[in-house]
Amino acid sequence: MTANIVWREEWKRPYESVWSLFENLKIANSVTGSDLLFYIANKRGRTHVNKLSEETHTKLKELTRIDFNEINQSMLKLSKFERNNPLHYFHTHLCYCVECVRYNFHSYLHQYKLVDICPFHLSELKRNCEVCEKEIYYFNFAFHIPFTCKCGAQLYQTVQEPVWKNWAEFNPCLDLTILDENSELTDREHSLQRLIHKIINN
């Protein structure tokens, strides 16, 4: 990998998860997760994305202008709405929206246990690989191919070249009107509505 990381600030989208950003960094630089990890942290192997050192976070911010600590703080703030153990409210396996992942996007909101539908598309979140039907470990980013299960199945299929054109086509937005227009909400839609209210008003 060269001395610089290819990345533009406009490629980062609102509510994007650390996992999603790492997968897109791998795409933009045509590297594996192991190579990216070696470049930013000087080590290889399976790594928990929330256990990177402060030095690594600082280097990432210098190279990409992405504040990964800020994303983690957003997750902690979200968990404080419930006033309990923060980690208790987030899945350790990947929960993803099929529509979002078509745009190489995953949100940390998808990992929130109290919501099981996508806040952007209102579609049910997937909890397993659709090929091998196993859970995908959310916190590891050392896999070779981005947005891919250990079995080799890709979560997205894009024909866009260059791929970042695909990123520009979707800008996630929390919009209460898509729920407010429907007076007969399901229980899970009510949960999502409460979550969006809290995020917007805090």
N, C-alpha and C. Protein backbone atom coordinates (compact mmCIF):
# COMPACT_ATOMS: atom_id res chain seq x y z
N MET A 1 0.85 -1.19 0.00
CA MET A 1 0.00 0.00 0.00
C MET A 1 0.89 1.25 0.00
N THR A 2 0.52 2.28 -0.73
CA THR A 2 1.33 3.48 -0.84
C THR A 2 1.27 4.28 0.45
N ALA A 3 2.00 5.40 0.44
CA ALA A 3 2.12 6.20 1.66
C ALA A 3 0.85 6.96 2.01
N ASN A 4 -0.12 6.97 1.13
CA ASN A 4 -1.36 7.69 1.38
C ASN A 4 -2.56 6.78 1.19
N ILE A 5 -3.65 7.13 1.87
CA ILE A 5 -4.91 6.42 1.69
C ILE A 5 -5.80 7.25 0.78
N VAL A 6 -6.40 6.59 -0.20
CA VAL A 6 -7.33 7.26 -1.10
C VAL A 6 -8.67 7.41 -0.39
N TRP A 7 -9.08 8.64 -0.17
CA TRP A 7 -10.37 8.88 0.48
C TRP A 7 -10.77 10.33 0.31
N ARG A 8 -12.07 10.58 0.15
CA ARG A 8 -12.60 11.94 0.07
C ARG A 8 -13.64 12.12 1.17
N GLU A 9 -13.65 13.29 1.76
CA GLU A 9 -14.58 13.56 2.86
C GLU A 9 -16.03 13.33 2.45
N GLU A 10 -16.37 13.66 1.20
CA GLU A 10 -17.77 13.55 0.77
C GLU A 10 -18.24 12.11 0.62
N TRP A 11 -17.31 11.15 0.68
CA TRP A 11 -17.71 9.75 0.59
C TRP A 11 -18.30 9.24 1.90
N LYS A 12 -18.00 9.89 3.01
CA LYS A 12 -18.58 9.48 4.29
C LYS A 12 -20.02 9.99 4.36
N ARG A 13 -20.93 9.09 4.75
CA ARG A 13 -22.35 9.45 4.80
C ARG A 13 -22.87 9.47 6.24
N PRO A 14 -23.93 10.23 6.48
CA PRO A 14 -24.48 10.33 7.85
C PRO A 14 -24.85 8.96 8.41
N TYR A 15 -24.62 8.78 9.70
CA TYR A 15 -24.99 7.57 10.44
C TYR A 15 -24.24 6.32 9.98
N GLU A 16 -23.16 6.49 9.24
CA GLU A 16 -22.42 5.33 8.74
C GLU A 16 -21.61 4.68 9.86
N SER A 17 -21.59 3.37 9.86
CA SER A 17 -20.87 2.63 10.91
C SER A 17 -19.38 2.58 10.61
N VAL A 18 -18.60 2.31 11.65
CA VAL A 18 -17.16 2.14 11.50
C VAL A 18 -16.87 0.98 10.56
N TRP A 19 -17.62 -0.10 10.71
CA TRP A 19 -17.44 -1.27 9.84
C TRP A 19 -17.63 -0.90 8.38
N SER A 20 -18.69 -0.16 8.08
CA SER A 20 -18.98 0.25 6.71
C SER A 20 -17.86 1.12 6.14
N LEU A 21 -17.37 2.05 6.95
CA LEU A 21 -16.29 2.93 6.50
C LEU A 21 -15.02 2.14 6.20
N PHE A 22 -14.70 1.16 7.03
CA PHE A 22 -13.52 0.34 6.78
C PHE A 22 -13.69 -0.48 5.49
N GLU A 23 -14.89 -1.01 5.28
CA GLU A 23 -15.13 -1.78 4.06
C GLU A 23 -14.96 -0.90 2.82
N ASN A 24 -15.43 0.34 2.91
CA ASN A 24 -15.31 1.26 1.78
C ASN A 24 -13.88 1.76 1.59
N LEU A 25 -13.13 1.87 2.69
CA LEU A 25 -11.70 2.18 2.57
C LEU A 25 -10.97 1.07 1.82
N LYS A 26 -11.37 -0.18 2.09
CA LYS A 26 -10.77 -1.31 1.39
C LYS A 26 -11.09 -1.25 -0.10
N ILE A 27 -12.34 -0.88 -0.43
CA ILE A 27 -12.74 -0.76 -1.83
C ILE A 27 -11.96 0.35 -2.53
N ALA A 28 -11.92 1.53 -1.91
CA ALA A 28 -11.30 2.69 -2.53
C ALA A 28 -9.80 2.50 -2.77
N ASN A 29 -9.17 1.68 -1.92
CA ASN A 29 -7.73 1.49 -2.02
C ASN A 29 -7.32 0.13 -2.58
N SER A 30 -8.33 -0.70 -2.93
CA SER A 30 -8.07 -2.02 -3.51
C SER A 30 -7.13 -2.85 -2.64
N VAL A 31 -7.45 -2.90 -1.34
CA VAL A 31 -6.63 -3.66 -0.40
C VAL A 31 -7.52 -4.58 0.43
N THR A 32 -6.90 -5.55 1.06
CA THR A 32 -7.62 -6.42 1.99
C THR A 32 -7.69 -5.75 3.35
N GLY A 33 -8.54 -6.27 4.21
CA GLY A 33 -8.62 -5.74 5.56
C GLY A 33 -7.32 -5.93 6.31
N SER A 34 -6.64 -7.05 6.05
CA SER A 34 -5.37 -7.33 6.71
C SER A 34 -4.31 -6.31 6.30
N ASP A 35 -4.28 -5.97 5.00
CA ASP A 35 -3.31 -4.98 4.51
C ASP A 35 -3.59 -3.60 5.10
N LEU A 36 -4.88 -3.24 5.15
CA LEU A 36 -5.25 -1.94 5.70
C LEU A 36 -4.88 -1.86 7.18
N LEU A 37 -5.15 -2.94 7.90
CA LEU A 37 -4.82 -2.98 9.32
C LEU A 37 -3.32 -2.85 9.54
N PHE A 38 -2.53 -3.55 8.70
CA PHE A 38 -1.08 -3.48 8.84
C PHE A 38 -0.57 -2.06 8.58
N TYR A 39 -1.19 -1.38 7.64
CA TYR A 39 -0.75 -0.03 7.30
C TYR A 39 -1.06 0.97 8.42
N ILE A 40 -2.25 0.85 9.03
CA ILE A 40 -2.64 1.84 10.03
C ILE A 40 -2.22 1.46 11.45
N ALA A 41 -2.02 0.16 11.71
CA ALA A 41 -1.71 -0.27 13.08
C ALA A 41 -0.48 -1.15 13.19
N ASN A 42 0.15 -1.44 12.04
CA ASN A 42 1.38 -2.24 12.00
C ASN A 42 1.19 -3.63 12.60
N LYS A 43 0.04 -4.23 12.35
CA LYS A 43 -0.18 -5.61 12.76
C LYS A 43 -1.20 -6.25 11.84
N ARG A 44 -1.23 -7.57 11.84
CA ARG A 44 -2.15 -8.30 10.99
C ARG A 44 -3.03 -9.22 11.84
N GLY A 45 -4.08 -9.75 11.19
CA GLY A 45 -4.94 -10.70 11.89
C GLY A 45 -6.32 -10.14 12.15
N ARG A 46 -7.12 -10.93 12.84
CA ARG A 46 -8.49 -10.53 13.16
C ARG A 46 -8.45 -9.45 14.23
N THR A 47 -9.17 -8.38 13.99
CA THR A 47 -9.14 -7.25 14.93
C THR A 47 -10.52 -6.70 15.17
N HIS A 48 -10.80 -6.41 16.41
CA HIS A 48 -12.06 -5.80 16.85
C HIS A 48 -11.99 -4.32 16.51
N VAL A 49 -12.94 -3.82 15.72
CA VAL A 49 -12.88 -2.43 15.27
C VAL A 49 -12.99 -1.43 16.41
N ASN A 50 -13.54 -1.86 17.54
CA ASN A 50 -13.67 -0.95 18.68
C ASN A 50 -12.48 -1.04 19.64
N LYS A 51 -11.47 -1.83 19.27
CA LYS A 51 -10.30 -1.98 20.15
C LYS A 51 -9.02 -1.46 19.50
N LEU A 52 -9.18 -0.57 18.52
CA LEU A 52 -8.02 0.06 17.92
C LEU A 52 -7.46 1.09 18.89
N SER A 53 -6.16 1.25 18.89
CA SER A 53 -5.52 2.17 19.83
C SER A 53 -5.82 3.62 19.47
N GLU A 54 -5.58 4.51 20.43
CA GLU A 54 -5.75 5.94 20.19
C GLU A 54 -4.81 6.41 19.08
N GLU A 55 -3.62 5.83 19.07
CA GLU A 55 -2.64 6.18 18.04
C GLU A 55 -3.16 5.83 16.65
N THR A 56 -3.82 4.66 16.55
CA THR A 56 -4.39 4.23 15.28
C THR A 56 -5.53 5.14 14.86
N HIS A 57 -6.39 5.50 15.81
CA HIS A 57 -7.49 6.42 15.52
C HIS A 57 -6.96 7.77 15.03
N THR A 58 -5.89 8.24 15.66
CA THR A 58 -5.29 9.52 15.26
C THR A 58 -4.74 9.44 13.85
N LYS A 59 -4.08 8.32 13.53
CA LYS A 59 -3.52 8.15 12.19
C LYS A 59 -4.63 8.09 11.15
N LEU A 60 -5.70 7.38 11.47
CA LEU A 60 -6.83 7.29 10.55
C LEU A 60 -7.45 8.66 10.29
N LYS A 61 -7.58 9.44 11.35
CA LYS A 61 -8.16 10.78 11.20
C LYS A 61 -7.28 11.66 10.33
N GLU A 62 -5.96 11.54 10.50
CA GLU A 62 -5.02 12.33 9.70
C GLU A 62 -5.09 11.94 8.23
N LEU A 63 -5.27 10.65 7.96
CA LEU A 63 -5.26 10.15 6.59
C LEU A 63 -6.59 10.32 5.87
N THR A 64 -7.68 10.27 6.62
CA THR A 64 -9.01 10.27 5.99
C THR A 64 -9.90 11.43 6.41
N ARG A 65 -9.53 12.11 7.49
CA ARG A 65 -10.36 13.16 8.10
C ARG A 65 -11.67 12.61 8.64
N ILE A 66 -11.69 11.32 8.92
CA ILE A 66 -12.84 10.68 9.55
C ILE A 66 -12.54 10.54 11.04
N ASP A 67 -13.43 11.03 11.88
CA ASP A 67 -13.26 10.90 13.32
C ASP A 67 -14.01 9.66 13.79
N PHE A 68 -13.30 8.53 13.88
CA PHE A 68 -13.94 7.28 14.27
C PHE A 68 -14.38 7.31 15.73
N ASN A 69 -13.67 8.05 16.56
CA ASN A 69 -14.09 8.19 17.95
C ASN A 69 -15.44 8.89 18.05
N GLU A 70 -15.68 9.83 17.16
CA GLU A 70 -16.96 10.54 17.15
C GLU A 70 -18.11 9.59 16.83
N ILE A 71 -17.85 8.65 15.91
CA ILE A 71 -18.88 7.66 15.57
C ILE A 71 -19.18 6.78 16.78
N ASN A 72 -18.13 6.34 17.46
CA ASN A 72 -18.32 5.52 18.66
C ASN A 72 -19.08 6.28 19.74
N GLN A 73 -18.80 7.57 19.87
CA GLN A 73 -19.50 8.39 20.86
C GLN A 73 -20.97 8.54 20.50
N SER A 74 -21.27 8.58 19.21
CA SER A 74 -22.67 8.66 18.76
C SER A 74 -23.42 7.40 19.17
N MET A 75 -22.74 6.26 19.08
CA MET A 75 -23.35 5.00 19.50
C MET A 75 -23.58 4.99 21.01
N LEU A 76 -22.59 5.47 21.76
CA LEU A 76 -22.74 5.51 23.22
C LEU A 76 -23.86 6.46 23.63
N LYS A 77 -23.96 7.56 22.94
CA LYS A 77 -25.03 8.52 23.23
C LYS A 77 -26.39 7.88 22.98
N LEU A 78 -26.47 7.09 21.91
CA LEU A 78 -27.71 6.40 21.58
C LEU A 78 -28.08 5.43 22.69
N SER A 79 -27.10 4.71 23.21
CA SER A 79 -27.38 3.73 24.26
C SER A 79 -27.78 4.41 25.57
N LYS A 80 -27.30 5.63 25.80
CA LYS A 80 -27.63 6.34 27.03
C LYS A 80 -29.10 6.74 27.10
N PHE A 81 -29.77 6.69 25.95
CA PHE A 81 -31.21 6.96 25.97
C PHE A 81 -31.92 5.95 26.86
N GLU A 82 -31.32 4.75 26.95
CA GLU A 82 -31.94 3.68 27.73
C GLU A 82 -31.37 3.59 29.15
N ARG A 83 -30.28 4.34 29.42
CA ARG A 83 -29.68 4.42 30.76
C ARG A 83 -29.29 3.06 31.31
N ASN A 84 -28.63 2.28 30.50
CA ASN A 84 -28.16 0.97 30.92
C ASN A 84 -26.79 0.72 30.31
N ASN A 85 -26.30 -0.52 30.46
CA ASN A 85 -25.03 -0.90 29.87
C ASN A 85 -25.04 -0.64 28.37
N PRO A 86 -24.17 0.26 27.86
CA PRO A 86 -24.19 0.62 26.44
C PRO A 86 -24.10 -0.56 25.49
N LEU A 87 -23.16 -1.48 25.76
CA LEU A 87 -22.95 -2.60 24.84
C LEU A 87 -24.15 -3.54 24.78
N HIS A 88 -24.97 -3.52 25.82
CA HIS A 88 -26.13 -4.40 25.86
C HIS A 88 -27.10 -4.09 24.73
N TYR A 89 -27.08 -2.87 24.22
CA TYR A 89 -28.07 -2.45 23.23
C TYR A 89 -27.60 -2.56 21.79
N PHE A 90 -26.43 -3.17 21.57
CA PHE A 90 -25.93 -3.31 20.20
C PHE A 90 -25.56 -4.76 19.90
N HIS A 91 -25.98 -5.24 18.75
CA HIS A 91 -25.65 -6.60 18.33
C HIS A 91 -24.16 -6.72 18.01
N THR A 92 -23.58 -7.87 18.32
CA THR A 92 -22.19 -8.13 17.96
C THR A 92 -22.08 -8.79 16.59
N HIS A 93 -23.21 -9.30 16.09
CA HIS A 93 -23.23 -9.82 14.72
C HIS A 93 -23.84 -8.76 13.81
N LEU A 94 -23.54 -8.85 12.54
CA LEU A 94 -23.98 -7.83 11.59
C LEU A 94 -25.48 -7.91 11.33
N CYS A 95 -26.14 -6.76 11.46
CA CYS A 95 -27.54 -6.61 11.05
C CYS A 95 -27.53 -5.58 9.93
N TYR A 96 -28.09 -5.92 8.79
CA TYR A 96 -27.95 -5.02 7.65
C TYR A 96 -29.22 -4.94 6.82
N CYS A 97 -29.35 -3.82 6.12
CA CYS A 97 -30.47 -3.59 5.22
C CYS A 97 -30.01 -3.90 3.80
N VAL A 98 -30.74 -4.74 3.09
CA VAL A 98 -30.37 -5.12 1.73
C VAL A 98 -30.34 -3.90 0.81
N GLU A 99 -31.29 -2.98 1.01
CA GLU A 99 -31.33 -1.77 0.18
C GLU A 99 -30.10 -0.90 0.44
N CYS A 100 -29.75 -0.71 1.71
CA CYS A 100 -28.59 0.12 2.05
C CYS A 100 -27.29 -0.46 1.50
N VAL A 101 -27.15 -1.77 1.63
CA VAL A 101 -25.89 -2.40 1.27
C VAL A 101 -25.67 -2.38 -0.24
N ARG A 102 -26.74 -2.19 -1.01
CA ARG A 102 -26.59 -2.02 -2.46
C ARG A 102 -25.79 -0.77 -2.79
N TYR A 103 -25.79 0.16 -1.86
CA TYR A 103 -25.02 1.40 -2.02
C TYR A 103 -23.75 1.37 -1.16
N ASN A 104 -23.32 0.16 -0.82
CA ASN A 104 -22.12 -0.02 0.01
C ASN A 104 -22.23 0.78 1.30
N PHE A 105 -23.39 0.69 1.93
CA PHE A 105 -23.64 1.46 3.15
C PHE A 105 -24.21 0.58 4.25
N HIS A 106 -23.71 0.80 5.45
CA HIS A 106 -24.26 0.17 6.64
C HIS A 106 -24.25 1.21 7.75
N SER A 107 -25.30 1.25 8.55
CA SER A 107 -25.41 2.24 9.62
C SER A 107 -25.27 1.58 10.99
N TYR A 108 -24.67 2.32 11.92
CA TYR A 108 -24.61 1.82 13.30
C TYR A 108 -26.01 1.71 13.90
N LEU A 109 -26.98 2.41 13.32
CA LEU A 109 -28.36 2.30 13.79
C LEU A 109 -28.92 0.90 13.51
N HIS A 110 -28.39 0.23 12.50
CA HIS A 110 -28.83 -1.14 12.19
C HIS A 110 -28.45 -2.11 13.31
N GLN A 111 -27.44 -1.76 14.09
CA GLN A 111 -26.96 -2.65 15.15
C GLN A 111 -27.72 -2.48 16.46
N TYR A 112 -28.57 -1.49 16.52
CA TYR A 112 -29.31 -1.18 17.75
C TYR A 112 -30.38 -2.24 17.99
N LYS A 113 -30.32 -2.91 19.13
CA LYS A 113 -31.18 -4.07 19.39
C LYS A 113 -32.67 -3.75 19.47
N LEU A 114 -33.00 -2.52 19.83
CA LEU A 114 -34.41 -2.18 20.02
C LEU A 114 -35.13 -1.88 18.71
N VAL A 115 -34.39 -1.94 17.60
CA VAL A 115 -34.98 -1.67 16.29
C VAL A 115 -34.61 -2.81 15.35
N ASP A 116 -35.59 -3.36 14.63
CA ASP A 116 -35.29 -4.44 13.71
C ASP A 116 -35.70 -4.13 12.27
N ILE A 117 -35.96 -2.86 11.98
CA ILE A 117 -36.21 -2.43 10.61
C ILE A 117 -35.30 -1.25 10.29
N CYS A 118 -34.97 -1.09 9.03
CA CYS A 118 -34.06 -0.03 8.62
C CYS A 118 -34.74 1.33 8.77
N PRO A 119 -34.11 2.30 9.44
CA PRO A 119 -34.72 3.61 9.62
C PRO A 119 -34.78 4.43 8.33
N PHE A 120 -34.08 3.97 7.29
CA PHE A 120 -34.06 4.72 6.04
C PHE A 120 -34.98 4.13 4.97
N HIS A 121 -35.17 2.80 5.01
CA HIS A 121 -36.00 2.14 4.00
C HIS A 121 -37.23 1.42 4.57
N LEU A 122 -37.29 1.33 5.90
CA LEU A 122 -38.38 0.62 6.60
C LEU A 122 -38.48 -0.84 6.20
N SER A 123 -37.37 -1.40 5.73
CA SER A 123 -37.35 -2.82 5.38
C SER A 123 -36.75 -3.61 6.54
N GLU A 124 -37.11 -4.87 6.63
CA GLU A 124 -36.62 -5.71 7.73
C GLU A 124 -35.12 -5.93 7.63
N LEU A 125 -34.43 -5.81 8.74
CA LEU A 125 -32.99 -6.00 8.75
C LEU A 125 -32.64 -7.48 8.69
N LYS A 126 -31.63 -7.81 7.91
CA LYS A 126 -31.13 -9.18 7.81
C LYS A 126 -30.14 -9.44 8.94
N ARG A 127 -30.16 -10.64 9.49
CA ARG A 127 -29.27 -10.99 10.60
C ARG A 127 -28.31 -12.11 10.25
N ASN A 128 -28.46 -12.67 9.06
CA ASN A 128 -27.61 -13.79 8.65
C ASN A 128 -27.22 -13.63 7.19
N CYS A 129 -26.14 -14.31 6.81
CA CYS A 129 -25.77 -14.39 5.40
C CYS A 129 -26.87 -15.15 4.67
N GLU A 130 -27.30 -14.66 3.52
CA GLU A 130 -28.39 -15.30 2.80
C GLU A 130 -27.95 -16.56 2.07
N VAL A 131 -26.64 -16.84 2.04
CA VAL A 131 -26.13 -18.04 1.39
C VAL A 131 -25.87 -19.15 2.41
N CYS A 132 -25.00 -18.89 3.39
CA CYS A 132 -24.68 -19.93 4.38
C CYS A 132 -25.59 -19.88 5.61
N GLU A 133 -26.36 -18.79 5.73
CA GLU A 133 -27.32 -18.59 6.81
C GLU A 133 -26.66 -18.43 8.19
N LYS A 134 -25.36 -18.17 8.22
CA LYS A 134 -24.67 -17.95 9.49
C LYS A 134 -24.57 -16.45 9.78
N GLU A 135 -24.35 -16.13 11.06
CA GLU A 135 -24.16 -14.74 11.43
C GLU A 135 -22.79 -14.25 10.97
N ILE A 136 -22.72 -12.96 10.67
CA ILE A 136 -21.45 -12.34 10.27
C ILE A 136 -20.97 -11.50 11.44
N TYR A 137 -19.75 -11.76 11.89
CA TYR A 137 -19.23 -11.04 13.05
C TYR A 137 -18.98 -9.58 12.68
N TYR A 138 -19.68 -8.69 13.34
CA TYR A 138 -19.70 -7.27 12.98
C TYR A 138 -18.38 -6.56 13.24
N PHE A 139 -17.67 -6.92 14.28
CA PHE A 139 -16.53 -6.12 14.71
C PHE A 139 -15.21 -6.45 14.02
N ASN A 140 -15.18 -7.48 13.16
CA ASN A 140 -13.93 -7.83 12.50
C ASN A 140 -13.89 -7.26 11.09
N PHE A 141 -12.77 -6.64 10.71
CA PHE A 141 -12.68 -6.08 9.36
C PHE A 141 -11.48 -6.62 8.58
N ALA A 142 -10.95 -7.77 8.98
CA ALA A 142 -9.76 -8.30 8.32
C ALA A 142 -10.07 -9.21 7.14
N PHE A 143 -11.35 -9.37 6.78
CA PHE A 143 -11.69 -10.21 5.63
C PHE A 143 -11.09 -9.61 4.36
N HIS A 144 -10.80 -10.47 3.40
CA HIS A 144 -10.11 -10.02 2.18
C HIS A 144 -11.01 -9.17 1.29
N ILE A 145 -12.23 -9.61 1.04
CA ILE A 145 -13.11 -8.90 0.12
C ILE A 145 -14.13 -8.08 0.91
N PRO A 146 -14.31 -6.80 0.59
CA PRO A 146 -15.24 -5.95 1.34
C PRO A 146 -16.69 -6.43 1.24
N PHE A 147 -17.46 -6.17 2.29
CA PHE A 147 -18.88 -6.52 2.34
C PHE A 147 -19.11 -7.98 1.97
N THR A 148 -18.34 -8.86 2.60
CA THR A 148 -18.38 -10.28 2.27
C THR A 148 -18.44 -11.14 3.52
N CYS A 149 -19.22 -12.21 3.45
CA CYS A 149 -19.29 -13.18 4.53
C CYS A 149 -18.07 -14.10 4.47
N LYS A 150 -17.77 -14.80 5.57
CA LYS A 150 -16.65 -15.75 5.59
C LYS A 150 -16.82 -16.85 4.55
N CYS A 151 -18.08 -17.14 4.18
CA CYS A 151 -18.32 -18.20 3.20
C CYS A 151 -18.00 -17.75 1.78
N GLY A 152 -17.74 -16.46 1.60
CA GLY A 152 -17.41 -15.92 0.28
C GLY A 152 -18.55 -15.21 -0.41
N ALA A 153 -19.73 -15.26 0.19
CA ALA A 153 -20.89 -14.60 -0.43
C ALA A 153 -20.79 -13.09 -0.23
N GLN A 154 -20.96 -12.34 -1.32
CA GLN A 154 -20.94 -10.89 -1.23
C GLN A 154 -22.31 -10.36 -0.82
N LEU A 155 -22.32 -9.40 0.09
CA LEU A 155 -23.58 -8.81 0.54
C LEU A 155 -24.10 -7.81 -0.46
N TYR A 156 -23.26 -7.33 -1.35
CA TYR A 156 -23.68 -6.35 -2.35
C TYR A 156 -23.24 -6.82 -3.72
N GLN A 157 -23.95 -6.38 -4.74
CA GLN A 157 -23.57 -6.64 -6.12
C GLN A 157 -23.68 -5.31 -6.86
N THR A 158 -22.57 -4.72 -7.21
CA THR A 158 -22.61 -3.43 -7.90
C THR A 158 -21.90 -3.52 -9.24
N VAL A 159 -22.46 -2.84 -10.23
CA VAL A 159 -21.84 -2.80 -11.54
C VAL A 159 -21.31 -1.40 -11.82
N GLN A 160 -21.41 -0.53 -10.81
CA GLN A 160 -20.96 0.85 -10.98
C GLN A 160 -19.43 0.90 -11.03
N GLU A 161 -18.89 1.59 -12.03
CA GLU A 161 -17.45 1.83 -12.09
C GLU A 161 -17.23 3.30 -12.40
N PRO A 162 -16.47 4.05 -11.63
CA PRO A 162 -15.89 3.60 -10.36
C PRO A 162 -16.94 3.45 -9.27
N VAL A 163 -16.64 2.65 -8.27
CA VAL A 163 -17.64 2.27 -7.28
C VAL A 163 -18.12 3.46 -6.46
N TRP A 164 -17.30 4.52 -6.29
CA TRP A 164 -17.74 5.63 -5.45
C TRP A 164 -18.90 6.41 -6.07
N LYS A 165 -19.18 6.19 -7.36
CA LYS A 165 -20.39 6.78 -7.94
C LYS A 165 -21.61 6.19 -7.25
N ASN A 166 -21.50 4.92 -6.89
CA ASN A 166 -22.58 4.24 -6.19
C ASN A 166 -22.80 4.86 -4.81
N TRP A 167 -21.74 5.28 -4.14
CA TRP A 167 -21.85 5.88 -2.82
C TRP A 167 -22.60 7.20 -2.88
N ALA A 168 -22.38 7.96 -3.96
CA ALA A 168 -22.98 9.30 -4.07
C ALA A 168 -24.48 9.23 -4.34
N GLU A 169 -24.98 8.07 -4.75
CA GLU A 169 -26.39 7.96 -5.11
C GLU A 169 -27.31 7.81 -3.90
N PHE A 170 -26.75 7.56 -2.73
CA PHE A 170 -27.59 7.35 -1.55
C PHE A 170 -27.08 8.19 -0.39
N ASN A 171 -27.92 9.09 0.08
CA ASN A 171 -27.59 9.92 1.24
C ASN A 171 -28.63 9.63 2.32
N PRO A 172 -28.29 8.81 3.31
CA PRO A 172 -29.27 8.40 4.33
C PRO A 172 -29.81 9.58 5.12
N CYS A 173 -31.11 9.60 5.29
CA CYS A 173 -31.76 10.70 6.00
C CYS A 173 -32.84 10.14 6.91
N LEU A 174 -32.87 10.59 8.15
CA LEU A 174 -33.92 10.18 9.08
C LEU A 174 -35.12 11.09 8.88
N ASP A 175 -36.21 10.50 8.42
CA ASP A 175 -37.39 11.28 8.06
C ASP A 175 -38.60 10.74 8.80
N LEU A 176 -39.11 11.50 9.74
CA LEU A 176 -40.26 11.06 10.53
C LEU A 176 -41.54 10.99 9.71
N THR A 177 -41.62 11.72 8.62
CA THR A 177 -42.87 11.78 7.86
C THR A 177 -43.25 10.43 7.26
N ILE A 178 -42.25 9.59 6.96
CA ILE A 178 -42.59 8.30 6.37
C ILE A 178 -43.33 7.42 7.36
N LEU A 179 -43.16 7.72 8.65
CA LEU A 179 -43.90 6.98 9.67
C LEU A 179 -45.13 7.74 10.12
N ASP A 180 -45.02 9.06 10.22
CA ASP A 180 -46.14 9.87 10.71
C ASP A 180 -47.34 9.81 9.78
N GLU A 181 -47.08 9.56 8.49
CA GLU A 181 -48.18 9.49 7.53
C GLU A 181 -49.03 8.24 7.73
N ASN A 182 -48.49 7.27 8.44
CA ASN A 182 -49.19 6.02 8.66
C ASN A 182 -49.69 5.97 10.10
N SER A 183 -50.99 6.04 10.28
CA SER A 183 -51.55 6.07 11.63
C SER A 183 -51.60 4.68 12.27
N GLU A 184 -51.49 3.63 11.45
CA GLU A 184 -51.57 2.27 11.96
C GLU A 184 -50.18 1.63 11.95
N LEU A 185 -49.35 2.07 12.87
CA LEU A 185 -47.99 1.57 12.93
C LEU A 185 -47.91 0.26 13.71
N THR A 186 -47.00 -0.60 13.29
CA THR A 186 -46.74 -1.82 14.04
C THR A 186 -45.90 -1.48 15.27
N ASP A 187 -45.76 -2.43 16.18
CA ASP A 187 -44.96 -2.19 17.39
C ASP A 187 -43.52 -1.82 17.03
N ARG A 188 -42.94 -2.52 16.07
CA ARG A 188 -41.55 -2.23 15.73
C ARG A 188 -41.41 -0.89 15.02
N GLU A 189 -42.45 -0.47 14.29
CA GLU A 189 -42.41 0.86 13.67
C GLU A 189 -42.54 1.95 14.74
N HIS A 190 -43.31 1.68 15.78
CA HIS A 190 -43.39 2.62 16.91
C HIS A 190 -42.02 2.73 17.60
N SER A 191 -41.32 1.61 17.75
CA SER A 191 -39.99 1.63 18.36
C SER A 191 -39.03 2.46 17.52
N LEU A 192 -39.12 2.29 16.20
CA LEU A 192 -38.27 3.06 15.31
C LEU A 192 -38.62 4.54 15.37
N GLN A 193 -39.90 4.85 15.43
CA GLN A 193 -40.34 6.24 15.50
C GLN A 193 -39.79 6.92 16.76
N ARG A 194 -39.83 6.21 17.89
CA ARG A 194 -39.30 6.77 19.14
C ARG A 194 -37.80 7.00 19.04
N LEU A 195 -37.10 6.06 18.41
CA LEU A 195 -35.66 6.19 18.24
C LEU A 195 -35.32 7.42 17.40
N ILE A 196 -36.01 7.59 16.27
CA ILE A 196 -35.73 8.72 15.39
C ILE A 196 -36.03 10.03 16.09
N HIS A 197 -37.12 10.08 16.85
CA HIS A 197 -37.45 11.28 17.63
C HIS A 197 -36.30 11.64 18.56
N LYS A 198 -35.76 10.63 19.25
CA LYS A 198 -34.69 10.87 20.21
C LYS A 198 -33.42 11.38 19.53
N ILE A 199 -33.09 10.78 18.38
CA ILE A 199 -31.88 11.18 17.67
C ILE A 199 -32.01 12.61 17.15
N ILE A 200 -33.15 12.94 16.57
CA ILE A 200 -33.36 14.26 15.99
C ILE A 200 -33.41 15.34 17.06
N ASN A 201 -33.99 15.01 18.20
CA ASN A 201 -34.21 16.02 19.24
C ASN A 201 -33.09 16.10 20.28
N ASN A 202 -32.01 15.36 20.08
CA ASN A 202 -30.88 15.41 21.03
C ASN A 202 -29.60 15.80 20.31
